PDB file of all heavy atoms in Angstrom:
ATOM      1  N   GLU A   1      85.027  94.734   0.671  1.00  0.00           N
ATOM      2  CA  GLU A   1      84.510  95.677  -0.317  1.00  0.00           C
ATOM      3  C   GLU A   1      85.535  96.032  -1.389  1.00  0.00           C
ATOM      4  O   GLU A   1      85.223  96.783  -2.308  1.00  0.00           O
ATOM      5  CB  GLU A   1      84.039  96.958   0.365  1.00  0.00           C
ATOM      6  CG  GLU A   1      82.810  96.759   1.223  1.00  0.00           C
ATOM      7  CD  GLU A   1      82.417  98.004   1.984  1.00  0.00           C
ATOM      8  OE1 GLU A   1      83.195  98.985   1.970  1.00  0.00           O
ATOM      9  OE2 GLU A   1      81.354  98.017   2.590  1.00  0.00           O
ATOM     10  N   SER A   2      86.764  95.524  -1.244  1.00  0.00           N
ATOM     11  CA  SER A   2      87.827  95.754  -2.233  1.00  0.00           C
ATOM     12  C   SER A   2      88.062  97.238  -2.481  1.00  0.00           C
ATOM     13  O   SER A   2      88.147  97.696  -3.626  1.00  0.00           O
ATOM     14  CB  SER A   2      87.495  95.034  -3.557  1.00  0.00           C
ATOM     15  OG  SER A   2      87.367  93.651  -3.340  1.00  0.00           O
ATOM     16  N   ASP A   3      88.174  97.995  -1.412  1.00  0.00           N
ATOM     17  CA  ASP A   3      88.431  99.434  -1.490  1.00  0.00           C
ATOM     18  C   ASP A   3      89.800  99.705  -0.883  1.00  0.00           C
ATOM     19  O   ASP A   3      89.958  99.645   0.339  1.00  0.00           O
ATOM     20  CB  ASP A   3      87.345 100.197  -0.722  1.00  0.00           C
ATOM     21  CG  ASP A   3      87.610 101.702  -0.691  1.00  0.00           C
ATOM     22  OD1 ASP A   3      88.566 102.154  -1.353  1.00  0.00           O
ATOM     23  OD2 ASP A   3      86.866 102.411   0.003  1.00  0.00           O
ATOM     24  N   PRO A   4      90.831 100.000  -1.702  1.00  0.00           N
ATOM     25  CA  PRO A   4      92.189 100.148  -1.173  1.00  0.00           C
ATOM     26  C   PRO A   4      92.327 101.286  -0.180  1.00  0.00           C
ATOM     27  O   PRO A   4      93.164 101.241   0.708  1.00  0.00           O
ATOM     28  CB  PRO A   4      93.036 100.401  -2.424  1.00  0.00           C
ATOM     29  CG  PRO A   4      92.074 100.962  -3.423  1.00  0.00           C
ATOM     30  CD  PRO A   4      90.779 100.265  -3.147  1.00  0.00           C
ATOM     31  N   THR A   5      91.512 102.328  -0.334  1.00  0.00           N
ATOM     32  CA  THR A   5      91.634 103.454   0.593  1.00  0.00           C
ATOM     33  C   THR A   5      91.019 103.127   1.950  1.00  0.00           C
ATOM     34  O   THR A   5      91.023 103.958   2.840  1.00  0.00           O
ATOM     35  CB  THR A   5      90.964 104.705   0.014  1.00  0.00           C
ATOM     36  OG1 THR A   5      89.568 104.444  -0.193  1.00  0.00           O
ATOM     37  CG2 THR A   5      91.595 105.086  -1.312  1.00  0.00           C
ATOM     38  N   LYS A   6      90.483 101.916   2.100  1.00  0.00           N
ATOM     39  CA  LYS A   6      89.986 101.474   3.400  1.00  0.00           C
ATOM     40  C   LYS A   6      91.107 101.476   4.425  1.00  0.00           C
ATOM     41  O   LYS A   6      90.839 101.421   5.633  1.00  0.00           O
ATOM     42  CB  LYS A   6      89.397 100.072   3.256  1.00  0.00           C
ATOM     43  CG  LYS A   6      88.574  99.584   4.442  1.00  0.00           C
ATOM     44  CD  LYS A   6      87.244 100.262   4.517  1.00  0.00           C
ATOM     45  CE  LYS A   6      86.385  99.868   3.353  1.00  0.00           C
ATOM     46  NZ  LYS A   6      86.046  98.456   3.276  1.00  0.00           N
ATOM     47  N   LEU A   7      92.365 101.557   3.957  1.00  0.00           N
ATOM     48  CA  LEU A   7      93.478 101.569   4.901  1.00  0.00           C
ATOM     49  C   LEU A   7      93.383 102.762   5.848  1.00  0.00           C
ATOM     50  O   LEU A   7      93.929 102.728   6.944  1.00  0.00           O
ATOM     51  CB  LEU A   7      94.823 101.593   4.159  1.00  0.00           C
ATOM     52  CG  LEU A   7      95.994 101.255   5.092  1.00  0.00           C
ATOM     53  CD1 LEU A   7      96.131  99.756   5.224  1.00  0.00           C
ATOM     54  CD2 LEU A   7      97.285 101.862   4.622  1.00  0.00           C
ATOM     55  N   ILE A   8      92.702 103.825   5.432  1.00  0.00           N
ATOM     56  CA  ILE A   8      92.514 104.961   6.337  1.00  0.00           C
ATOM     57  C   ILE A   8      91.791 104.496   7.590  1.00  0.00           C
ATOM     58  O   ILE A   8      92.217 104.776   8.722  1.00  0.00           O
ATOM     59  CB  ILE A   8      91.726 106.091   5.640  1.00  0.00           C
ATOM     60  CG1 ILE A   8      92.561 106.684   4.508  1.00  0.00           C
ATOM     61  CG2 ILE A   8      91.328 107.174   6.639  1.00  0.00           C
ATOM     62  CD1 ILE A   8      91.819 107.710   3.690  1.00  0.00           C
ATOM     63  N   GLU A   9      90.683 103.769   7.411  1.00  0.00           N
ATOM     64  CA  GLU A   9      89.950 103.254   8.566  1.00  0.00           C
ATOM     65  C   GLU A   9      90.785 102.231   9.329  1.00  0.00           C
ATOM     66  O   GLU A   9      90.766 102.195  10.562  1.00  0.00           O
ATOM     67  CB  GLU A   9      88.633 102.611   8.114  1.00  0.00           C
ATOM     68  CG  GLU A   9      87.527 103.598   7.801  1.00  0.00           C
ATOM     69  CD  GLU A   9      87.676 104.246   6.433  1.00  0.00           C
ATOM     70  OE1 GLU A   9      88.424 103.703   5.589  1.00  0.00           O
ATOM     71  OE2 GLU A   9      87.050 105.293   6.209  1.00  0.00           O
ATOM     72  N   ILE A  10      91.532 101.394   8.598  1.00  0.00           N
ATOM     73  CA  ILE A  10      92.356 100.381   9.251  1.00  0.00           C
ATOM     74  C   ILE A  10      93.412 101.041  10.135  1.00  0.00           C
ATOM     75  O   ILE A  10      93.631 100.640  11.284  1.00  0.00           O
ATOM     76  CB  ILE A  10      93.013  99.468   8.200  1.00  0.00           C
ATOM     77  CG1 ILE A  10      91.942  98.662   7.456  1.00  0.00           C
ATOM     78  CG2 ILE A  10      94.027  98.539   8.843  1.00  0.00           C
ATOM     79  CD1 ILE A  10      92.473  97.847   6.294  1.00  0.00           C
ATOM     80  N   VAL A  11      94.075 102.075   9.597  1.00  0.00           N
ATOM     81  CA  VAL A  11      95.100 102.784  10.372  1.00  0.00           C
ATOM     82  C   VAL A  11      94.478 103.459  11.586  1.00  0.00           C
ATOM     83  O   VAL A  11      95.020 103.397  12.705  1.00  0.00           O
ATOM     84  CB  VAL A  11      95.824 103.815   9.483  1.00  0.00           C
ATOM     85  CG1 VAL A  11      96.694 104.737  10.332  1.00  0.00           C
ATOM     86  CG2 VAL A  11      96.688 103.099   8.449  1.00  0.00           C
ATOM     87  N   MET A  12      93.335 104.092  11.393  1.00  0.00           N
ATOM     88  CA  MET A  12      92.693 104.792  12.507  1.00  0.00           C
ATOM     89  C   MET A  12      92.267 103.820  13.607  1.00  0.00           C
ATOM     90  O   MET A  12      92.401 104.113  14.800  1.00  0.00           O
ATOM     91  CB  MET A  12      91.500 105.599  12.011  1.00  0.00           C
ATOM     92  CG  MET A  12      91.882 106.778  11.135  1.00  0.00           C
ATOM     93  SD  MET A  12      90.494 107.818  10.638  1.00  0.00           S
ATOM     94  CE  MET A  12      90.052 108.561  12.203  1.00  0.00           C
ATOM     95  N   ILE A  13      91.783 102.644  13.219  1.00  0.00           N
ATOM     96  CA  ILE A  13      91.407 101.645  14.215  1.00  0.00           C
ATOM     97  C   ILE A  13      92.646 101.104  14.918  1.00  0.00           C
ATOM     98  O   ILE A  13      92.640 100.864  16.129  1.00  0.00           O
ATOM     99  CB  ILE A  13      90.594 100.516  13.556  1.00  0.00           C
ATOM    100  CG1 ILE A  13      89.208 101.045  13.164  1.00  0.00           C
ATOM    101  CG2 ILE A  13      90.453  99.317  14.492  1.00  0.00           C
ATOM    102  CD1 ILE A  13      88.389 100.082  12.345  1.00  0.00           C
ATOM    103  N   GLY A  14      93.743 100.910  14.153  1.00  0.00           N
ATOM    104  CA  GLY A  14      94.993 100.480  14.776  1.00  0.00           C
ATOM    105  C   GLY A  14      95.504 101.500  15.780  1.00  0.00           C
ATOM    106  O   GLY A  14      95.926 101.151  16.891  1.00  0.00           O
ATOM    107  N   LYS A  15      95.471 102.773  15.403  1.00  0.00           N
ATOM    108  CA  LYS A  15      95.897 103.826  16.329  1.00  0.00           C
ATOM    109  C   LYS A  15      94.946 103.896  17.524  1.00  0.00           C
ATOM    110  O   LYS A  15      95.378 104.123  18.665  1.00  0.00           O
ATOM    111  CB  LYS A  15      95.941 105.169  15.599  1.00  0.00           C
ATOM    112  CG  LYS A  15      97.073 105.289  14.581  1.00  0.00           C
ATOM    113  CD  LYS A  15      97.100 106.661  13.941  1.00  0.00           C
ATOM    114  CE  LYS A  15      98.225 106.763  12.904  1.00  0.00           C
ATOM    115  NZ  LYS A  15      99.561 106.638  13.502  1.00  0.00           N
ATOM    116  N   GLN A  16      93.659 103.691  17.268  1.00  0.00           N
ATOM    117  CA  GLN A  16      92.680 103.719  18.352  1.00  0.00           C
ATOM    118  C   GLN A  16      92.938 102.582  19.333  1.00  0.00           C
ATOM    119  O   GLN A  16      92.819 102.756  20.551  1.00  0.00           O
ATOM    120  CB  GLN A  16      91.276 103.610  17.767  1.00  0.00           C
ATOM    121  CG  GLN A  16      90.163 103.848  18.771  1.00  0.00           C
ATOM    122  CD  GLN A  16      88.799 103.738  18.129  1.00  0.00           C
ATOM    123  OE1 GLN A  16      88.537 102.822  17.363  1.00  0.00           O
ATOM    124  NE2 GLN A  16      87.922 104.668  18.446  1.00  0.00           N
ATOM    125  N   LEU A  17      93.305 101.414  18.811  1.00  0.00           N
ATOM    126  CA  LEU A  17      93.623 100.277  19.670  1.00  0.00           C
ATOM    127  C   LEU A  17      94.812 100.596  20.567  1.00  0.00           C
ATOM    128  O   LEU A  17      94.787 100.361  21.787  1.00  0.00           O
ATOM    129  CB  LEU A  17      93.913  99.048  18.811  1.00  0.00           C
ATOM    130  CG  LEU A  17      94.450  97.807  19.532  1.00  0.00           C
ATOM    131  CD1 LEU A  17      93.421  97.283  20.516  1.00  0.00           C
ATOM    132  CD2 LEU A  17      94.821  96.718  18.534  1.00  0.00           C
ATOM    133  N   LEU A  18      95.879 101.141  19.969  1.00  0.00           N
ATOM    134  CA  LEU A  18      97.068 101.484  20.753  1.00  0.00           C
ATOM    135  C   LEU A  18      96.764 102.574  21.781  1.00  0.00           C
ATOM    136  O   LEU A  18      97.226 102.525  22.924  1.00  0.00           O
ATOM    137  CB  LEU A  18      98.191 101.932  19.814  1.00  0.00           C
ATOM    138  CG  LEU A  18      98.734 100.864  18.853  1.00  0.00           C
ATOM    139  CD1 LEU A  18      99.741 101.472  17.896  1.00  0.00           C
ATOM    140  CD2 LEU A  18      99.370  99.726  19.626  1.00  0.00           C
ATOM    141  N   MET A  19      95.981 103.584  21.359  1.00  0.00           N
ATOM    142  CA  MET A  19      95.635 104.665  22.275  1.00  0.00           C
ATOM    143  C   MET A  19      94.747 104.174  23.412  1.00  0.00           C
ATOM    144  O   MET A  19      94.909 104.589  24.568  1.00  0.00           O
ATOM    145  CB  MET A  19      94.926 105.791  21.516  1.00  0.00           C
ATOM    146  CG  MET A  19      95.835 106.646  20.658  1.00  0.00           C
ATOM    147  SD  MET A  19      94.941 108.017  19.908  1.00  0.00           S
ATOM    148  CE  MET A  19      94.406 108.907  21.358  1.00  0.00           C
ATOM    149  N   SER A  20      93.809 103.284  23.099  1.00  0.00           N
ATOM    150  CA  SER A  20      92.923 102.751  24.136  1.00  0.00           C
ATOM    151  C   SER A  20      93.726 101.997  25.185  1.00  0.00           C
ATOM    152  O   SER A  20      93.531 102.175  26.393  1.00  0.00           O
ATOM    153  CB  SER A  20      91.870 101.827  23.512  1.00  0.00           C
ATOM    154  OG  SER A  20      91.069 102.524  22.593  1.00  0.00           O
ATOM    155  N   ARG A  21      94.644 101.174  24.715  1.00  0.00           N
ATOM    156  CA  ARG A  21      95.453 100.399  25.647  1.00  0.00           C
ATOM    157  C   ARG A  21      96.354 101.317  26.478  1.00  0.00           C
ATOM    158  O   ARG A  21      96.472 101.170  27.694  1.00  0.00           O
ATOM    159  CB  ARG A  21      96.290  99.378  24.875  1.00  0.00           C
ATOM    160  CG  ARG A  21      96.966  98.357  25.757  1.00  0.00           C
ATOM    161  CD  ARG A  21      97.738  97.374  24.922  1.00  0.00           C
ATOM    162  NE  ARG A  21      96.830  96.608  24.077  1.00  0.00           N
ATOM    163  CZ  ARG A  21      97.166  96.137  22.895  1.00  0.00           C
ATOM    164  NH1 ARG A  21      98.354  96.370  22.407  1.00  0.00           N
ATOM    165  NH2 ARG A  21      96.315  95.426  22.197  1.00  0.00           N
ATOM    166  N   GLY A  22      96.973 102.304  25.802  1.00  0.00           N
ATOM    167  CA  GLY A  22      97.847 103.227  26.524  1.00  0.00           C
ATOM    168  C   GLY A  22      97.077 104.093  27.504  1.00  0.00           C
ATOM    169  O   GLY A  22      97.533 104.322  28.638  1.00  0.00           O
ATOM    170  N   SER A  23      95.902 104.573  27.100  1.00  0.00           N
ATOM    171  CA  SER A  23      95.118 105.451  27.968  1.00  0.00           C
ATOM    172  C   SER A  23      94.637 104.717  29.208  1.00  0.00           C
ATOM    173  O   SER A  23      94.737 105.228  30.331  1.00  0.00           O
ATOM    174  CB  SER A  23      93.922 106.012  27.193  1.00  0.00           C
ATOM    175  OG  SER A  23      94.353 106.791  26.103  1.00  0.00           O
ATOM    176  N   LEU A  24      94.118 103.492  29.014  1.00  0.00           N
ATOM    177  CA  LEU A  24      93.611 102.749  30.157  1.00  0.00           C
ATOM    178  C   LEU A  24      94.743 102.237  31.046  1.00  0.00           C
ATOM    179  O   LEU A  24      94.560 102.074  32.257  1.00  0.00           O
ATOM    180  CB  LEU A  24      92.740 101.588  29.680  1.00  0.00           C
ATOM    181  CG  LEU A  24      91.405 102.024  29.061  1.00  0.00           C
ATOM    182  CD1 LEU A  24      90.597 100.817  28.613  1.00  0.00           C
ATOM    183  CD2 LEU A  24      90.596 102.848  30.040  1.00  0.00           C
ATOM    184  N   THR A  25      95.914 101.998  30.462  1.00  0.00           N
ATOM    185  CA  THR A  25      97.068 101.639  31.289  1.00  0.00           C
ATOM    186  C   THR A  25      97.476 102.823  32.150  1.00  0.00           C
ATOM    187  O   THR A  25      97.766 102.672  33.359  1.00  0.00           O
ATOM    188  CB  THR A  25      98.244 101.198  30.396  1.00  0.00           C
ATOM    189  OG1 THR A  25      97.845 100.075  29.610  1.00  0.00           O
ATOM    190  CG2 THR A  25      99.446 100.818  31.244  1.00  0.00           C
ATOM    191  N   THR A  26      97.520 104.014  31.556  1.00  0.00           N
ATOM    192  CA  THR A  26      97.836 105.226  32.325  1.00  0.00           C
ATOM    193  C   THR A  26      96.833 105.419  33.450  1.00  0.00           C
ATOM    194  O   THR A  26      97.203 105.711  34.599  1.00  0.00           O
ATOM    195  CB  THR A  26      97.820 106.455  31.396  1.00  0.00           C
ATOM    196  OG1 THR A  26      98.746 106.260  30.346  1.00  0.00           O
ATOM    197  CG2 THR A  26      98.175 107.715  32.163  1.00  0.00           C
ATOM    198  N   PHE A  27      95.555 105.264  33.128  1.00  0.00           N
ATOM    199  CA  PHE A  27      94.503 105.417  34.138  1.00  0.00           C
ATOM    200  C   PHE A  27      94.679 104.402  35.254  1.00  0.00           C
ATOM    201  O   PHE A  27      94.567 104.728  36.444  1.00  0.00           O
ATOM    202  CB  PHE A  27      93.135 105.241  33.477  1.00  0.00           C
ATOM    203  CG  PHE A  27      91.973 105.379  34.417  1.00  0.00           C
ATOM    204  CD1 PHE A  27      91.394 106.618  34.645  1.00  0.00           C
ATOM    205  CD2 PHE A  27      91.462 104.264  35.081  1.00  0.00           C
ATOM    206  CE1 PHE A  27      90.322 106.752  35.520  1.00  0.00           C
ATOM    207  CE2 PHE A  27      90.389 104.385  35.951  1.00  0.00           C
ATOM    208  CZ  PHE A  27      89.825 105.634  36.171  1.00  0.00           C
ATOM    209  N   SER A  28      94.959 103.145  34.878  1.00  0.00           N
ATOM    210  CA  SER A  28      95.061 102.078  35.870  1.00  0.00           C
ATOM    211  C   SER A  28      96.225 102.297  36.827  1.00  0.00           C
ATOM    212  O   SER A  28      96.085 102.155  38.048  1.00  0.00           O
ATOM    213  CB  SER A  28      95.215 100.730  35.160  1.00  0.00           C
ATOM    214  OG  SER A  28      95.308  99.672  36.082  1.00  0.00           O
ATOM    215  N   ILE A  29      97.386 102.663  36.286  1.00  0.00           N
ATOM    216  CA  ILE A  29      98.565 102.860  37.151  1.00  0.00           C
ATOM    217  C   ILE A  29      98.362 104.066  38.061  1.00  0.00           C
ATOM    218  O   ILE A  29      98.663 104.022  39.268  1.00  0.00           O
ATOM    219  CB  ILE A  29      99.828 103.014  36.281  1.00  0.00           C
ATOM    220  CG1 ILE A  29     100.118 101.694  35.549  1.00  0.00           C
ATOM    221  CG2 ILE A  29     101.010 103.431  37.128  1.00  0.00           C
ATOM    222  CD1 ILE A  29     101.273 101.751  34.583  1.00  0.00           C
ATOM    223  N   ALA A  30      97.834 105.173  37.492  1.00  0.00           N
ATOM    224  CA  ALA A  30      97.553 106.342  38.324  1.00  0.00           C
ATOM    225  C   ALA A  30      96.514 106.006  39.388  1.00  0.00           C
ATOM    226  O   ALA A  30      96.595 106.468  40.547  1.00  0.00           O
ATOM    227  CB  ALA A  30      97.062 107.496  37.449  1.00  0.00           C
ATOM    228  N   ASN A  31      95.561 105.181  39.019  1.00  0.00           N
ATOM    229  CA  ASN A  31      94.516 104.729  39.933  1.00  0.00           C
ATOM    230  C   ASN A  31      95.116 103.991  41.125  1.00  0.00           C
ATOM    231  O   ASN A  31      94.749 104.223  42.284  1.00  0.00           O
ATOM    232  CB  ASN A  31      93.593 103.794  39.145  1.00  0.00           C
ATOM    233  CG  ASN A  31      92.181 103.793  39.662  1.00  0.00           C
ATOM    234  OD1 ASN A  31      91.834 104.576  40.520  1.00  0.00           O
ATOM    235  ND2 ASN A  31      91.367 102.901  39.143  1.00  0.00           N
ATOM    236  N   ASP A  32      96.051 103.080  40.821  1.00  0.00           N
ATOM    237  CA  ASP A  32      96.659 102.279  41.883  1.00  0.00           C
ATOM    238  C   ASP A  32      97.484 103.135  42.833  1.00  0.00           C
ATOM    239  O   ASP A  32      97.471 102.923  44.053  1.00  0.00           O
ATOM    240  CB  ASP A  32      97.530 101.188  41.257  1.00  0.00           C
ATOM    241  CG  ASP A  32      96.711 100.183  40.462  1.00  0.00           C
ATOM    242  OD1 ASP A  32      95.528 100.011  40.795  1.00  0.00           O
ATOM    243  OD2 ASP A  32      97.249  99.601  39.500  1.00  0.00           O
TER     244      ASP A  32
END
């Protein structure tokens, strides 16, 4: 869409990816 401010969504998805991985890793280790 050629919208430079789309980086807001890109950053939020990047942070969401890192948080998802970190959260589920925490859950998994505590689970074990």
